[in-house]
Amino acid sequence: MLFRSTIMTAIYYVYEHTRPDTGNVFYVGKGSFKRAYSKAKRNKHWHNIVNKAQGFSVNIIAKDLDNIKQANFIPTKDGLVML
């Protein structure tokens, strides 16, 4: 029997969620694929903010990272910030 395996290469990124009502950042995360735009697997506090603000906006801070460990560090004007 012949098995064919497809390996999906994930490209990781760092993102932030902002409130549309105030423009304030309320969450910074790291992920791959469509994680930044997903409402699934978020905690109650996150959902309370999104409900009160009537949604959220996504800003990709860093992208095209080869692995999730690279997503632990994001560049800033002052150096690197660890998530």
Protein backbone atom coordinates (compact mmCIF):
# COMPACT_ATOMS: atom_id res chain seq x y z
CA MET A 1 0.00 0.00 0.00
CA LEU A 2 1.35 3.43 -0.91
CA PHE A 3 0.87 6.37 1.46
CA ARG A 4 1.34 9.92 0.37
CA SER A 5 2.18 12.50 2.99
CA THR A 6 1.83 16.22 2.56
CA ILE A 7 3.73 18.42 4.95
CA MET A 8 2.28 21.87 5.40
CA THR A 9 4.86 24.49 6.22
CA ALA A 10 3.43 27.06 8.58
CA ILE A 11 4.56 30.64 8.32
CA TYR A 12 4.23 32.33 11.70
CA TYR A 13 3.46 35.93 12.55
CA VAL A 14 2.87 38.26 15.49
CA TYR A 15 -0.39 40.21 15.61
CA GLU A 16 -2.32 42.64 17.77
CA HIS A 17 -6.04 43.15 18.28
CA THR A 18 -7.35 46.67 18.66
CA ARG A 19 -10.71 47.98 19.76
CA PRO A 20 -12.59 49.81 16.98
CA ASP A 21 -14.29 52.09 19.52
CA THR A 22 -11.08 53.42 21.13
CA GLY A 23 -8.23 52.27 18.88
CA ASN A 24 -6.47 50.77 21.91
CA VAL A 25 -4.56 47.49 21.64
CA PHE A 26 -6.08 44.87 23.96
CA TYR A 27 -4.30 41.71 22.82
CA VAL A 28 -0.96 40.71 21.27
CA GLY A 29 -0.49 37.16 20.05
CA LYS A 30 1.46 34.88 17.77
CA GLY A 31 0.08 32.37 15.34
CA SER A 32 -0.08 30.89 11.87
CA PHE A 33 -2.65 30.52 9.14
CA LYS A 34 -5.82 32.49 10.10
CA ARG A 35 -5.35 32.57 13.89
CA ALA A 36 -5.28 36.38 14.09
CA TYR A 37 -8.78 36.58 12.58
CA SER A 38 -10.34 33.72 14.54
CA LYS A 39 -12.71 34.11 17.50
CA ALA A 40 -12.30 30.46 18.46
CA LYS A 41 -10.36 29.39 21.56
CA ARG A 42 -10.27 32.87 23.12
CA ASN A 43 -10.82 33.44 26.82
CA LYS A 44 -13.87 35.04 28.42
CA HIS A 45 -12.08 38.36 29.00
CA TRP A 46 -11.19 38.61 25.29
CA HIS A 47 -14.83 37.94 24.30
CA ASN A 48 -16.11 40.54 26.81
CA ILE A 49 -13.87 43.20 25.28
CA VAL A 50 -14.86 42.29 21.71
CA ASN A 51 -18.56 42.31 22.60
CA LYS A 52 -18.33 45.68 24.35
CA ALA A 53 -16.22 47.22 21.56
CA GLN A 54 -18.47 45.67 18.87
CA GLY A 55 -15.63 43.84 17.15
CA PHE A 56 -11.88 44.01 16.76
CA SER A 57 -9.27 44.98 14.19
CA VAL A 58 -6.14 42.99 13.34
CA ASN A 59 -2.71 44.48 12.78
CA ILE A 60 0.12 42.14 11.75
CA ILE A 61 3.26 43.30 13.58
CA ALA A 62 5.79 40.79 12.22
CA LYS A 63 5.31 38.19 9.49
CA ASP A 64 7.04 35.47 7.48
CA LEU A 65 8.69 33.97 10.57
CA ASP A 66 10.08 30.49 10.00
CA ASN A 67 9.14 29.05 13.36
CA ILE A 68 7.09 29.80 16.44
CA LYS A 69 10.22 30.55 18.49
CA GLN A 70 11.00 33.50 16.21
CA ALA A 71 7.52 34.81 16.99
CA ASN A 72 8.50 35.08 20.66
CA PHE A 73 10.57 38.16 19.83
CA ILE A 74 9.30 41.17 17.93
CA PRO A 75 11.44 44.08 16.79
CA THR A 76 10.78 47.56 18.18
CA LYS A 77 12.63 50.83 17.87
CA ASP A 78 14.30 50.05 21.21
CA GLY A 79 15.37 46.50 20.37
CA LEU A 80 13.48 43.21 20.76
CA VAL A 81 10.43 42.55 22.90
CA MET A 82 9.76 39.03 24.16
CA LEU A 83 6.18 37.77 24.12
